[in-house]
PDB file of N, CA and C in Angstrom:
ATOM      1  N   GLN A   1      48.253  24.851  22.692  1.00  0.00           N
ATOM      2  CA  GLN A   1      47.768  23.678  22.937  1.00  0.00           C
ATOM      3  C   GLN A   1      46.700  23.715  23.831  1.00  0.00           C
ATOM      4  N   ALA A   2      46.732  24.570  24.821  1.00  0.00           N
ATOM      5  CA  ALA A   2      45.710  24.964  25.902  1.00  0.00           C
ATOM      6  C   ALA A   2      44.503  25.508  25.137  1.00  0.00           C
ATOM      7  N   ASP A   3      44.562  26.210  24.164  1.00  0.00           N
ATOM      8  CA  ASP A   3      43.477  26.681  23.512  1.00  0.00           C
ATOM      9  C   ASP A   3      42.636  25.645  22.886  1.00  0.00           C
ATOM     10  N   ARG A   4      43.128  24.627  22.504  1.00  0.00           N
ATOM     11  CA  ARG A   4      42.391  23.560  21.800  1.00  0.00           C
ATOM     12  C   ARG A   4      41.577  22.739  22.976  1.00  0.00           C
ATOM     13  N   LEU A   5      41.911  22.717  24.286  1.00  0.00           N
ATOM     14  CA  LEU A   5      41.164  22.058  25.225  1.00  0.00           C
ATOM     15  C   LEU A   5      40.374  22.837  25.973  1.00  0.00           C
ATOM     16  N   ASP A   6      40.361  24.205  25.494  1.00  0.00           N
ATOM     17  CA  ASP A   6      39.385  25.161  26.324  1.00  0.00           C
ATOM     18  C   ASP A   6      37.894  24.810  26.082  1.00  0.00           C
ATOM     19  N   PRO A   7      37.246  24.337  27.034  1.00  0.00           N
ATOM     20  CA  PRO A   7      35.672  24.163  26.849  1.00  0.00           C
ATOM     21  C   PRO A   7      34.878  25.194  26.404  1.00  0.00           C
ATOM     22  N   LEU A   8      35.270  26.425  26.590  1.00  0.00           N
ATOM     23  CA  LEU A   8      34.266  27.461  26.120  1.00  0.00           C
ATOM     24  C   LEU A   8      34.548  27.954  24.725  1.00  0.00           C
ATOM     25  N   ARG A   9      35.710  27.327  24.075  1.00  0.00           N
ATOM     26  CA  ARG A   9      36.069  27.707  22.652  1.00  0.00           C
ATOM     27  C   ARG A   9      35.129  26.868  21.784  1.00  0.00           C
ATOM     28  N   PRO A  10      34.428  27.717  20.819  1.00  0.00           N
ATOM     29  CA  PRO A  10      33.423  26.738  20.046  1.00  0.00           C
ATOM     30  C   PRO A  10      34.416  25.918  18.956  1.00  0.00           C
ATOM     31  N   ARG A  11      33.852  24.738  18.613  1.00  0.00           N
ATOM     32  CA  ARG A  11      34.617  23.720  17.934  1.00  0.00           C
ATOM     33  C   ARG A  11      34.024  23.459  16.629  1.00  0.00           C
ATOM     34  N   ARG A  12      34.616  23.218  15.683  1.00  0.00           N
ATOM     35  CA  ARG A  12      34.024  22.827  14.305  1.00  0.00           C
ATOM     36  C   ARG A  12      34.106  21.322  14.175  1.00  0.00           C
ATOM     37  N   PHE A  13      33.045  20.702  13.951  1.00  0.00           N
ATOM     38  CA  PHE A  13      33.089  19.324  13.682  1.00  0.00           C
ATOM     39  C   PHE A  13      32.928  18.838  12.169  1.00  0.00           C
ATOM     40  N   CYS A  14      33.581  18.140  11.626  1.00  0.00           N
ATOM     41  CA  CYS A  14      33.368  17.874  10.285  1.00  0.00           C
ATOM     42  C   CYS A  14      32.600  16.501  10.174  1.00  0.00           C
ATOM     43  N   ALA A  15      31.266  17.076   9.767  1.00  0.00           N
ATOM     44  CA  ALA A  15      30.321  15.863   9.603  1.00  0.00           C
ATOM     45  C   ALA A  15      30.263  15.359   8.276  1.00  0.00           C
ATOM     46  N   ARG A  16      30.401  14.163   7.973  1.00  0.00           N
ATOM     47  CA  ARG A  16      30.206  13.609   6.622  1.00  0.00           C
ATOM     48  C   ARG A  16      28.769  12.947   6.483  1.00  0.00           C
ATOM     49  N   ARG A  17      28.272  13.248   5.426  1.00  0.00           N
ATOM     50  CA  ARG A  17      26.895  12.678   5.319  1.00  0.00           C
ATOM     51  C   ARG A  17      26.894  11.446   4.445  1.00  0.00           C
ATOM     52  N   SER A  18      26.320  10.376   4.952  1.00  0.00           N
ATOM     53  CA  SER A  18      26.245   9.202   4.235  1.00  0.00           C
ATOM     54  C   SER A  18      25.146   8.971   3.356  1.00  0.00           C
ATOM     55  N   PRO A  19      25.291   8.736   2.063  1.00  0.00           N
ATOM     56  CA  PRO A  19      24.109   8.549   1.265  1.00  0.00           C
ATOM     57  C   PRO A  19      23.151   7.346   1.786  1.00  0.00           C
ATOM     58  N   VAL A  20      21.802   7.818   1.982  1.00  0.00           N
ATOM     59  CA  VAL A  20      20.857   6.700   2.353  1.00  0.00           C
ATOM     60  C   VAL A  20      19.865   6.660   1.085  1.00  0.00           C
ATOM     61  N   ALA A  21      19.947   5.546   0.565  1.00  0.00           N
ATOM     62  CA  ALA A  21      18.764   5.424  -0.494  1.00  0.00           C
ATOM     63  C   ALA A  21      17.287   5.118   0.001  1.00  0.00           C
ATOM     64  N   ALA A  22      16.424   5.953  -0.627  1.00  0.00           N
ATOM     65  CA  ALA A  22      15.015   5.664  -0.214  1.00  0.00           C
ATOM     66  C   ALA A  22      14.500   4.270  -0.586  1.00  0.00           C
ATOM     67  N   PRO A  23      13.639   3.765   0.017  1.00  0.00           N
ATOM     68  CA  PRO A  23      13.183   2.525  -0.379  1.00  0.00           C
ATOM     69  C   PRO A  23      12.544   2.332  -1.835  1.00  0.00           C
ATOM     70  N   PRO A  24      12.669   1.523  -2.583  1.00  0.00           N
ATOM     71  CA  PRO A  24      12.485   1.386  -3.751  1.00  0.00           C
ATOM     72  C   PRO A  24      10.919   1.516  -4.216  1.00  0.00           C
ATOM     73  N   PRO A  25      10.379   2.009  -5.102  1.00  0.00           N
ATOM     74  CA  PRO A  25       8.923   2.198  -5.295  1.00  0.00           C
ATOM     75  C   PRO A  25       8.413   0.767  -5.357  1.00  0.00           C
ATOM     76  N   SER A  26       6.989   0.646  -5.272  1.00  0.00           N
ATOM     77  CA  SER A  26       6.430  -0.609  -5.238  1.00  0.00           C
ATOM     78  C   SER A  26       6.719  -1.418  -6.316  1.00  0.00           C
ATOM     79  N   ARG A  27       6.574  -1.010  -7.588  1.00  0.00           N
ATOM     80  CA  ARG A  27       6.937  -1.820  -8.872  1.00  0.00           C
ATOM     81  C   ARG A  27       8.241  -2.283  -8.884  1.00  0.00           C
ATOM     82  N   GLU A  28       9.272  -1.443  -8.491  1.00  0.00           N
ATOM     83  CA  GLU A  28      10.597  -1.910  -8.383  1.00  0.00           C
ATOM     84  C   GLU A  28      10.908  -2.958  -7.232  1.00  0.00           C
ATOM     85  N   ARG A  29      10.052  -2.994  -6.150  1.00  0.00           N
ATOM     86  CA  ARG A  29      10.228  -3.909  -4.970  1.00  0.00           C
ATOM     87  C   ARG A  29       9.522  -5.247  -5.662  1.00  0.00           C
ATOM     88  N   THR A  30       8.625  -5.199  -6.482  1.00  0.00           N
ATOM     89  CA  THR A  30       7.959  -6.403  -6.998  1.00  0.00           C
ATOM     90  C   THR A  30       8.928  -6.994  -8.015  1.00  0.00           C
ATOM     91  N   ALA A  31       9.581  -6.057  -8.856  1.00  0.00           N
ATOM     92  CA  ALA A  31      10.589  -6.582  -9.801  1.00  0.00           C
ATOM     93  C   ALA A  31      11.778  -7.276  -9.160  1.00  0.00           C
ATOM     94  N   ARG A  32      12.184  -6.770  -8.026  1.00  0.00           N
ATOM     95  CA  ARG A  32      13.439  -7.291  -7.210  1.00  0.00           C
ATOM     96  C   ARG A  32      12.981  -8.607  -6.421  1.00  0.00           C
ATOM     97  N   GLY A  33      11.563  -9.030  -6.697  1.00  0.00           N
ATOM     98  CA  GLY A  33      11.242 -10.166  -5.893  1.00  0.00           C
ATOM     99  C   GLY A  33      10.645  -9.848  -4.620  1.00  0.00           C
ATOM    100  N   MET A  34      10.672  -8.418  -4.216  1.00  0.00           N
ATOM    101  CA  MET A  34      10.001  -8.109  -2.826  1.00  0.00           C
ATOM    102  C   MET A  34       8.357  -8.057  -3.033  1.00  0.00           C
ATOM    103  N   ALA A  35       7.838  -8.511  -2.053  1.00  0.00           N
ATOM    104  CA  ALA A  35       6.372  -8.791  -2.229  1.00  0.00           C
ATOM    105  C   ALA A  35       5.453  -7.473  -2.263  1.00  0.00           C
ATOM    106  N   ASN A  36       4.527  -7.668  -3.144  1.00  0.00           N
ATOM    107  CA  ASN A  36       3.609  -6.559  -3.257  1.00  0.00           C
ATOM    108  C   ASN A  36       2.441  -6.957  -2.492  1.00  0.00           C
ATOM    109  N   THR A  37       1.886  -6.011  -1.479  1.00  0.00           N
ATOM    110  CA  THR A  37       0.882  -6.374  -0.627  1.00  0.00           C
ATOM    111  C   THR A  37      -0.488  -5.468  -0.882  1.00  0.00           C
ATOM    112  N   ASN A  38      -0.268  -4.581  -1.897  1.00  0.00           N
ATOM    113  CA  ASN A  38      -1.455  -3.769  -2.284  1.00  0.00           C
ATOM    114  C   ASN A  38      -2.240  -4.304  -3.332  1.00  0.00           C
ATOM    115  N   ILE A  39      -3.600  -4.385  -3.195  1.00  0.00           N
ATOM    116  CA  ILE A  39      -4.593  -4.968  -4.177  1.00  0.00           C
ATOM    117  C   ILE A  39      -5.462  -3.896  -4.572  1.00  0.00           C
ATOM    118  N   HIS A  40      -6.027  -3.953  -5.948  1.00  0.00           N
ATOM    119  CA  HIS A  40      -7.008  -3.039  -6.329  1.00  0.00           C
ATOM    120  C   HIS A  40      -8.158  -3.800  -6.420  1.00  0.00           C
ATOM    121  N   ILE A  41      -9.424  -3.357  -5.978  1.00  0.00           N
ATOM    122  CA  ILE A  41     -10.557  -4.152  -5.896  1.00  0.00           C
ATOM    123  C   ILE A  41     -11.610  -3.345  -6.720  1.00  0.00           C
ATOM    124  N   GLY A  42     -12.264  -3.870  -7.699  1.00  0.00           N
ATOM    125  CA  GLY A  42     -13.205  -3.124  -8.571  1.00  0.00           C
ATOM    126  C   GLY A  42     -14.529  -3.783  -8.593  1.00  0.00           C
ATOM    127  N   ASN A  43     -15.594  -2.991  -9.161  1.00  0.00           N
ATOM    128  CA  ASN A  43     -16.941  -3.489  -9.134  1.00  0.00           C
ATOM    129  C   ASN A  43     -17.582  -3.582  -7.751  1.00  0.00           C
ATOM    130  N   LEU A  44     -17.192  -2.841  -7.019  1.00  0.00           N
ATOM    131  CA  LEU A  44     -17.885  -2.594  -5.513  1.00  0.00           C
ATOM    132  C   LEU A  44     -19.061  -1.669  -5.527  1.00  0.00           C
ATOM    133  N   PRO A  45     -20.222  -2.069  -4.810  1.00  0.00           N
ATOM    134  CA  PRO A  45     -21.470  -1.294  -4.670  1.00  0.00           C
ATOM    135  C   PRO A  45     -21.125   0.053  -4.316  1.00  0.00           C
ATOM    136  N   LEU A  46     -22.243   1.057  -4.877  1.00  0.00           N
ATOM    137  CA  LEU A  46     -21.871   2.505  -4.626  1.00  0.00           C
ATOM    138  C   LEU A  46     -22.187   2.917  -3.175  1.00  0.00           C
ATOM    139  N   GLU A  47     -22.962   2.064  -2.513  1.00  0.00           N
ATOM    140  CA  GLU A  47     -23.080   2.302  -0.992  1.00  0.00           C
ATOM    141  C   GLU A  47     -22.026   1.868  -0.029  1.00  0.00           C
ATOM    142  N   LEU A  48     -20.968   1.207  -0.750  1.00  0.00           N
ATOM    143  CA  LEU A  48     -19.882   0.572   0.176  1.00  0.00           C
ATOM    144  C   LEU A  48     -18.959   1.771   0.737  1.00  0.00           C
ATOM    145  N   ASP A  49     -18.721   1.611   1.887  1.00  0.00           N
ATOM    146  CA  ASP A  49     -17.840   3.004   2.542  1.00  0.00           C
ATOM    147  C   ASP A  49     -16.692   2.159   3.175  1.00  0.00           C
ATOM    148  N   ASP A  50     -15.503   2.911   3.792  1.00  0.00           N
ATOM    149  CA  ASP A  50     -14.309   2.549   4.262  1.00  0.00           C
ATOM    150  C   ASP A  50     -14.487   1.379   5.236  1.00  0.00           C
ATOM    151  N   ALA A  51     -15.463   1.810   6.224  1.00  0.00           N
ATOM    152  CA  ALA A  51     -15.468   0.804   7.248  1.00  0.00           C
ATOM    153  C   ALA A  51     -16.108  -0.570   6.644  1.00  0.00           C
ATOM    154  N   GLN A  52     -17.022  -0.504   6.049  1.00  0.00           N
ATOM    155  CA  GLN A  52     -17.462  -1.874   5.276  1.00  0.00           C
ATOM    156  C   GLN A  52     -16.372  -2.515   4.571  1.00  0.00           C
ATOM    157  N   LEU A  53     -15.848  -1.678   3.787  1.00  0.00           N
ATOM    158  CA  LEU A  53     -14.479  -2.413   3.029  1.00  0.00           C
ATOM    159  C   LEU A  53     -13.508  -3.169   3.996  1.00  0.00           C
ATOM    160  N   ALA A  54     -13.155  -2.520   5.159  1.00  0.00           N
ATOM    161  CA  ALA A  54     -12.312  -2.985   6.114  1.00  0.00           C
ATOM    162  C   ALA A  54     -13.044  -4.307   6.765  1.00  0.00           C
ATOM    163  N   SER A  55     -14.238  -4.112   7.133  1.00  0.00           N
ATOM    164  CA  SER A  55     -15.081  -5.445   7.764  1.00  0.00           C
ATOM    165  C   SER A  55     -15.033  -6.424   6.793  1.00  0.00           C
ATOM    166  N   ILE A  56     -15.338  -6.292   5.539  1.00  0.00           N
ATOM    167  CA  ILE A  56     -15.314  -7.564   4.606  1.00  0.00           C
ATOM    168  C   ILE A  56     -14.028  -8.101   4.432  1.00  0.00           C
ATOM    169  N   PHE A  57     -12.989  -7.373   4.145  1.00  0.00           N
ATOM    170  CA  PHE A  57     -11.643  -7.955   3.607  1.00  0.00           C
ATOM    171  C   PHE A  57     -10.708  -8.341   4.960  1.00  0.00           C
ATOM    172  N   SER A  58     -11.181  -7.685   6.121  1.00  0.00           N
ATOM    173  CA  SER A  58     -10.209  -8.234   7.345  1.00  0.00           C
ATOM    174  C   SER A  58     -10.549  -9.707   7.499  1.00  0.00           C
ATOM    175  N   ALA A  59     -11.730 -10.357   6.879  1.00  0.00           N
ATOM    176  CA  ALA A  59     -11.789 -11.722   7.210  1.00  0.00           C
ATOM    177  C   ALA A  59     -10.920 -12.625   6.293  1.00  0.00           C
ATOM    178  N   TYR A  60     -10.144 -11.914   5.410  1.00  0.00           N
ATOM    179  CA  TYR A  60      -9.140 -12.632   4.510  1.00  0.00           C
ATOM    180  C   TYR A  60      -7.755 -12.361   4.950  1.00  0.00           C
ATOM    181  N   GLY A  61      -7.534 -11.463   5.918  1.00  0.00           N
ATOM    182  CA  GLY A  61      -6.256 -11.213   6.334  1.00  0.00           C
ATOM    183  C   GLY A  61      -6.108  -9.968   7.151  1.00  0.00           C
ATOM    184  N   THR A  62      -4.934  -9.675   7.612  1.00  0.00           N
ATOM    185  CA  THR A  62      -4.652  -8.333   8.367  1.00  0.00           C
ATOM    186  C   THR A  62      -4.418  -7.121   7.322  1.00  0.00           C
ATOM    187  N   ILE A  63      -5.339  -6.065   7.581  1.00  0.00           N
ATOM    188  CA  ILE A  63      -5.320  -5.039   6.591  1.00  0.00           C
ATOM    189  C   ILE A  63      -4.546  -4.122   7.407  1.00  0.00           C
ATOM    190  N   THR A  64      -3.585  -3.361   6.661  1.00  0.00           N
ATOM    191  CA  THR A  64      -2.647  -2.168   7.213  1.00  0.00           C
ATOM    192  C   THR A  64      -3.168  -0.928   6.808  1.00  0.00           C
ATOM    193  N   TRP A  65      -3.771  -0.883   5.654  1.00  0.00           N
ATOM    194  CA  TRP A  65      -4.525   0.224   5.071  1.00  0.00           C
ATOM    195  C   TRP A  65      -5.618   0.091   3.980  1.00  0.00           C
ATOM    196  N   SER A  66      -6.646   0.755   4.030  1.00  0.00           N
ATOM    197  CA  SER A  66      -7.541   0.555   2.778  1.00  0.00           C
ATOM    198  C   SER A  66      -8.247   1.797   2.561  1.00  0.00           C
ATOM    199  N   ARG A  67      -8.875   1.986   1.395  1.00  0.00           N
ATOM    200  CA  ARG A  67      -9.510   3.105   0.946  1.00  0.00           C
ATOM    201  C   ARG A  67     -10.492   2.814  -0.134  1.00  0.00           C
ATOM    202  N   VAL A  68     -11.770   3.358  -0.047  1.00  0.00           N
ATOM    203  CA  VAL A  68     -12.631   3.133  -0.993  1.00  0.00           C
ATOM    204  C   VAL A  68     -12.760   4.636  -1.778  1.00  0.00           C
ATOM    205  N   PHE A  69     -12.632   4.562  -3.185  1.00  0.00           N
ATOM    206  CA  PHE A  69     -12.664   5.729  -4.026  1.00  0.00           C
ATOM    207  C   PHE A  69     -14.064   6.083  -4.476  1.00  0.00           C
ATOM    208  N   ASP A  70     -14.482   7.226  -4.627  1.00  0.00           N
ATOM    209  CA  ASP A  70     -15.737   7.833  -4.950  1.00  0.00           C
ATOM    210  C   ASP A  70     -15.652   7.334  -6.633  1.00  0.00           C
ATOM    211  N   SER A  71     -17.101   7.102  -6.823  1.00  0.00           N
ATOM    212  CA  SER A  71     -17.456   6.561  -8.168  1.00  0.00           C
ATOM    213  C   SER A  71     -17.214   7.388  -9.455  1.00  0.00           C
ATOM    214  N   LYS A  72     -17.221   8.711  -9.133  1.00  0.00           N
ATOM    215  CA  LYS A  72     -17.262   9.775 -10.234  1.00  0.00           C
ATOM    216  C   LYS A  72     -18.197   9.483 -11.425  1.00  0.00           C
ATOM    217  N   GLY A  73     -19.427   9.128 -11.074  1.00  0.00           N
ATOM    218  CA  GLY A  73     -20.439   8.876 -12.019  1.00  0.00           C
ATOM    219  C   GLY A  73     -20.278   7.450 -12.642  1.00  0.00           C
ATOM    220  N   LYS A  74     -19.357   6.631 -12.243  1.00  0.00           N
ATOM    221  CA  LYS A  74     -19.458   5.278 -12.681  1.00  0.00           C
ATOM    222  C   LYS A  74     -20.426   4.475 -11.987  1.00  0.00           C
ATOM    223  N   PRO A  75     -20.937   3.151 -12.444  1.00  0.00           N
ATOM    224  CA  PRO A  75     -21.942   2.460 -11.825  1.00  0.00           C
ATOM    225  C   PRO A  75     -21.556   1.899 -10.682  1.00  0.00           C
ATOM    226  N   ASN A  76     -20.220   1.842 -10.322  1.00  0.00           N
ATOM    227  CA  ASN A  76     -19.648   0.955  -9.199  1.00  0.00           C
ATOM    228  C   ASN A  76     -18.412   1.559  -8.539  1.00  0.00           C
ATOM    229  N   LYS A  77     -17.946   1.381  -7.465  1.00  0.00           N
ATOM    230  CA  LYS A  77     -16.747   1.937  -6.942  1.00  0.00           C
ATOM    231  C   LYS A  77     -15.554   0.932  -6.899  1.00  0.00           C
ATOM    232  N   ALA A  78     -14.316   1.531  -6.491  1.00  0.00           N
ATOM    233  CA  ALA A  78     -13.144   0.797  -6.674  1.00  0.00           C
ATOM    234  C   ALA A  78     -12.489   1.041  -5.109  1.00  0.00           C
ATOM    235  N   ALA A  79     -11.482   0.317  -4.856  1.00  0.00           N
ATOM    236  CA  ALA A  79     -10.767   0.524  -3.682  1.00  0.00           C
ATOM    237  C   ALA A  79      -9.379  -0.260  -3.584  1.00  0.00           C
ATOM    238  N   ILE A  80      -8.622   0.231  -2.728  1.00  0.00           N
ATOM    239  CA  ILE A  80      -7.219  -0.249  -2.595  1.00  0.00           C
ATOM    240  C   ILE A  80      -7.076  -0.859  -1.152  1.00  0.00           C
ATOM    241  N   VAL A  81      -6.545  -2.109  -1.075  1.00  0.00           N
ATOM    242  CA  VAL A  81      -6.553  -2.678   0.237  1.00  0.00           C
ATOM    243  C   VAL A  81      -5.047  -3.014   0.478  1.00  0.00           C
ATOM    244  N   GLU A  82      -4.329  -2.762   1.494  1.00  0.00           N
ATOM    245  CA  GLU A  82      -3.000  -3.201   1.819  1.00  0.00           C
ATOM    246  C   GLU A  82      -2.907  -4.227   2.863  1.00  0.00           C
ATOM    247  N   PHE A  83      -2.573  -5.309   2.539  1.00  0.00           N
ATOM    248  CA  PHE A  83      -2.376  -6.217   3.723  1.00  0.00           C
ATOM    249  C   PHE A  83      -1.093  -6.479   4.305  1.00  0.00           C
ATOM    250  N   ALA A  84      -1.043  -6.834   5.389  1.00  0.00           N
ATOM    251  CA  ALA A  84       0.122  -6.989   6.241  1.00  0.00           C
ATOM    252  C   ALA A  84       1.103  -7.863   5.409  1.00  0.00           C
ATOM    253  N   ASP A  85       0.506  -8.951   5.101  1.00  0.00           N
ATOM    254  CA  ASP A  85       1.278 -10.221   4.587  1.00  0.00           C
ATOM    255  C   ASP A  85       0.934 -10.394   3.121  1.00  0.00           C
ATOM    256  N   ALA A  86       2.004 -10.569   2.292  1.00  0.00           N
ATOM    257  CA  ALA A  86       1.892 -10.669   0.870  1.00  0.00           C
ATOM    258  C   ALA A  86       1.331 -12.052   0.460  1.00  0.00           C
ATOM    259  N   ALA A  87       1.445 -13.098   1.483  1.00  0.00           N
ATOM    260  CA  ALA A  87       0.736 -14.317   1.106  1.00  0.00           C
ATOM    261  C   ALA A  87      -0.815 -14.204   1.176  1.00  0.00           C
ATOM    262  N   GLU A  88      -1.198 -13.298   2.150  1.00  0.00           N
ATOM    263  CA  GLU A  88      -2.651 -12.944   2.277  1.00  0.00           C
ATOM    264  C   GLU A  88      -3.187 -12.122   1.024  1.00  0.00           C
ATOM    265  N   ALA A  89      -2.397 -11.295   0.746  1.00  0.00           N
ATOM    266  CA  ALA A  89      -2.660 -10.635  -0.646  1.00  0.00           C
ATOM    267  C   ALA A  89      -2.743 -11.297  -1.783  1.00  0.00           C
ATOM    268  N   LYS A  90      -1.840 -12.330  -2.028  1.00  0.00           N
ATOM    269  CA  LYS A  90      -1.700 -13.200  -3.053  1.00  0.00           C
ATOM    270  C   LYS A  90      -2.822 -14.037  -3.062  1.00  0.00           C
ATOM    271  N   TRP A  91      -3.392 -14.718  -2.017  1.00  0.00           N
ATOM    272  CA  TRP A  91      -4.495 -15.538  -1.900  1.00  0.00           C
ATOM    273  C   TRP A  91      -5.782 -14.701  -2.184  1.00  0.00           C
ATOM    274  N   VAL A  92      -5.937 -13.407  -1.861  1.00  0.00           N
ATOM    275  CA  VAL A  92      -7.132 -12.653  -2.134  1.00  0.00           C
ATOM    276  C   VAL A  92      -7.384 -12.436  -3.532  1.00  0.00           C
ATOM    277  N   VAL A  93      -6.090 -12.137  -4.246  1.00  0.00           N
ATOM    278  CA  VAL A  93      -6.006 -11.814  -5.707  1.00  0.00           C
ATOM    279  C   VAL A  93      -6.516 -13.161  -6.438  1.00  0.00           C
ATOM    280  N   GLU A  94      -5.920 -14.359  -6.103  1.00  0.00           N
ATOM    281  CA  GLU A  94      -6.176 -15.619  -6.763  1.00  0.00           C
ATOM    282  C   GLU A  94      -7.498 -16.270  -6.493  1.00  0.00           C
ATOM    283  N   SER A  95      -8.068 -16.031  -5.173  1.00  0.00           N
ATOM    284  CA  SER A  95      -9.328 -16.562  -4.889  1.00  0.00           C
ATOM    285  C   SER A  95     -10.635 -15.777  -5.055  1.00  0.00           C
ATOM    286  N   LEU A  96     -10.419 -14.345  -4.863  1.00  0.00           N
ATOM    287  CA  LEU A  96     -11.564 -13.650  -5.088  1.00  0.00           C
ATOM    288  C   LEU A  96     -11.881 -12.944  -6.296  1.00  0.00           C
ATOM    289  N   ASN A  97     -10.876 -12.834  -7.141  1.00  0.00           N
ATOM    290  CA  ASN A  97     -11.270 -12.224  -8.391  1.00  0.00           C
ATOM    291  C   ASN A  97     -12.252 -12.879  -9.149  1.00  0.00           C
ATOM    292  N   GLY A  98     -13.340 -12.065  -9.525  1.00  0.00           N
ATOM    293  CA  GLY A  98     -14.382 -12.792 -10.326  1.00  0.00           C
ATOM    294  C   GLY A  98     -15.579 -13.506  -9.445  1.00  0.00           C
ATOM    295  N   ASN A  99     -15.264 -13.622  -8.207  1.00  0.00           N
ATOM    296  CA  ASN A  99     -16.130 -14.288  -7.204  1.00  0.00           C
ATOM    297  C   ASN A  99     -16.797 -13.166  -6.184  1.00  0.00           C
ATOM    298  N   ILE A 100     -17.596 -13.744  -5.589  1.00  0.00           N
ATOM    299  CA  ILE A 100     -18.500 -12.778  -4.548  1.00  0.00           C
ATOM    300  C   ILE A 100     -17.931 -13.046  -3.161  1.00  0.00           C
ATOM    301  N   PRO A 101     -17.300 -12.044  -2.586  1.00  0.00           N
ATOM    302  CA  PRO A 101     -16.959 -12.283  -1.072  1.00  0.00           C
ATOM    303  C   PRO A 101     -17.964 -12.255  -0.269  1.00  0.00           C
ATOM    304  N   GLN A 102     -17.961 -12.799   0.931  1.00  0.00           N
ATOM    305  CA  GLN A 102     -19.045 -12.739   1.833  1.00  0.00           C
ATOM    306  C   GLN A 102     -19.391 -11.494   2.323  1.00  0.00           C
ATOM    307  N   GLY A 103     -20.526 -10.722   2.153  1.00  0.00           N
ATOM    308  CA  GLY A 103     -20.881  -9.538   2.493  1.00  0.00           C
ATOM    309  C   GLY A 103     -21.093  -8.608   1.425  1.00  0.00           C
ATOM    310  N   LEU A 104     -20.875  -9.082   0.147  1.00  0.00           N
ATOM    311  CA  LEU A 104     -21.340  -8.538  -1.102  1.00  0.00           C
ATOM    312  C   LEU A 104     -22.183  -9.422  -1.824  1.00  0.00           C
ATOM    313  N   THR A 105     -22.695  -8.806  -2.821  1.00  0.00           N
ATOM    314  CA  THR A 105     -23.873  -9.376  -3.694  1.00  0.00           C
ATOM    315  C   THR A 105     -23.377  -9.723  -5.080  1.00  0.00           C
ATOM    316  N   GLU A 106     -22.385  -9.088  -5.719  1.00  0.00           N
ATOM    317  CA  GLU A 106     -21.973  -9.049  -6.982  1.00  0.00           C
ATOM    318  C   GLU A 106     -20.543  -9.602  -7.137  1.00  0.00           C
ATOM    319  N   PRO A 107     -20.104 -10.148  -8.187  1.00  0.00           N
ATOM    320  CA  PRO A 107     -18.684 -10.578  -8.294  1.00  0.00           C
ATOM    321  C   PRO A 107     -17.937  -9.331  -8.275  1.00  0.00           C
ATOM    322  N   ILE A 108     -16.525  -9.453  -7.891  1.00  0.00           N
ATOM    323  CA  ILE A 108     -15.562  -8.290  -7.925  1.00  0.00           C
ATOM    324  C   ILE A 108     -14.608  -8.494  -8.561  1.00  0.00           C
ATOM    325  N   THR A 109     -13.780  -7.593  -9.171  1.00  0.00           N
ATOM    326  CA  THR A 109     -12.460  -7.617  -9.840  1.00  0.00           C
ATOM    327  C   THR A 109     -11.382  -7.541  -8.634  1.00  0.00           C
ATOM    328  N   VAL A 110     -10.376  -8.227  -8.876  1.00  0.00           N
ATOM    329  CA  VAL A 110      -9.147  -8.061  -7.748  1.00  0.00           C
ATOM    330  C   VAL A 110      -7.921  -8.307  -8.513  1.00  0.00           C
ATOM    331  N   ALA A 111      -6.979  -7.375  -8.470  1.00  0.00           N
ATOM    332  CA  ALA A 111      -5.567  -7.664  -8.906  1.00  0.00           C
ATOM    333  C   ALA A 111      -4.623  -6.938  -8.015  1.00  0.00           C
ATOM    334  N   PHE A 112      -3.366  -7.206  -8.227  1.00  0.00           N
ATOM    335  CA  PHE A 112      -2.289  -6.311  -7.698  1.00  0.00           C
ATOM    336  C   PHE A 112      -2.360  -5.004  -8.191  1.00  0.00           C
ATOM    337  N   LYS A 113      -2.274  -3.982  -7.058  1.00  0.00           N
ATOM    338  CA  LYS A 113      -2.189  -2.623  -7.535  1.00  0.00           C
ATOM    339  C   LYS A 113      -0.870  -2.342  -8.450  1.00  0.00           C
ATOM    340  N   GLN A 114      -0.986  -1.709  -9.534  1.00  0.00           N
ATOM    341  CA  GLN A 114       0.103  -1.293 -10.406  1.00  0.00           C
ATOM    342  C   GLN A 114       0.380   0.212 -10.160  1.00  0.00           C
ATOM    343  N   GLU A 115       1.575   0.564  -9.857  1.00  0.00           N
ATOM    344  CA  GLU A 115       2.182   1.943  -9.702  1.00  0.00           C
ATOM    345  C   GLU A 115       1.946   2.645 -10.928  1.00  0.00           C
ATOM    346  N   ARG A 116       1.483   3.813 -11.165  1.00  0.00           N
ATOM    347  CA  ARG A 116       1.460   4.680 -12.267  1.00  0.00           C
ATOM    348  C   ARG A 116       2.953   4.929 -12.635  1.00  0.00           C
ATOM    349  N   GLY A 117       3.225   4.765 -13.949  1.00  0.00           N
ATOM    350  CA  GLY A 117       4.714   5.101 -14.226  1.00  0.00           C
ATOM    351  C   GLY A 117       4.493   6.553 -14.879  1.00  0.00           C
ATOM    352  N   LYS A 118       5.682   7.183 -15.209  1.00  0.00           N
ATOM    353  CA  LYS A 118       5.569   8.564 -15.694  1.00  0.00           C
ATOM    354  C   LYS A 118       5.317   8.374 -17.212  1.00  0.00           C
ATOM    355  N   GLY A 119       4.151   9.346 -17.343  1.00  0.00           N
ATOM    356  CA  GLY A 119       3.727   9.241 -18.853  1.00  0.00           C
ATOM    357  C   GLY A 119       2.436   8.526 -19.007  1.00  0.00           C
ATOM    358  N   SER A 120       2.191   7.853 -17.756  1.00  0.00           N
ATOM    359  CA  SER A 120       0.955   7.005 -17.930  1.00  0.00           C
ATOM    360  C   SER A 120      -0.357   7.730 -17.565  1.00  0.00           C
TER     361      SER A 120
END
């Protein structure tokens, strides 16, 4: 019994791993009723950059992340904007789709971002 209490004797601990599930993908969160805060914006001018995008859309809510994508030869650009609040994202989709936000000169398309599925 003295051996078991020896502080210099190496000990083995049996560690059990608890399974921890990763957060569900965005599409699954939406299907479960969890809010989608990512919106896709199309028909943006070619000269628009990330800073201008953030400046324009921060007027409509708190942006947690945004990115303008290269046009790849198309006549306009597209972007993704993630809002901090689902209600803000919903308002932007419902109110700005087909309209001209302040700071732009042409109507834009706005929709909730759809995750790419396997095989898409």
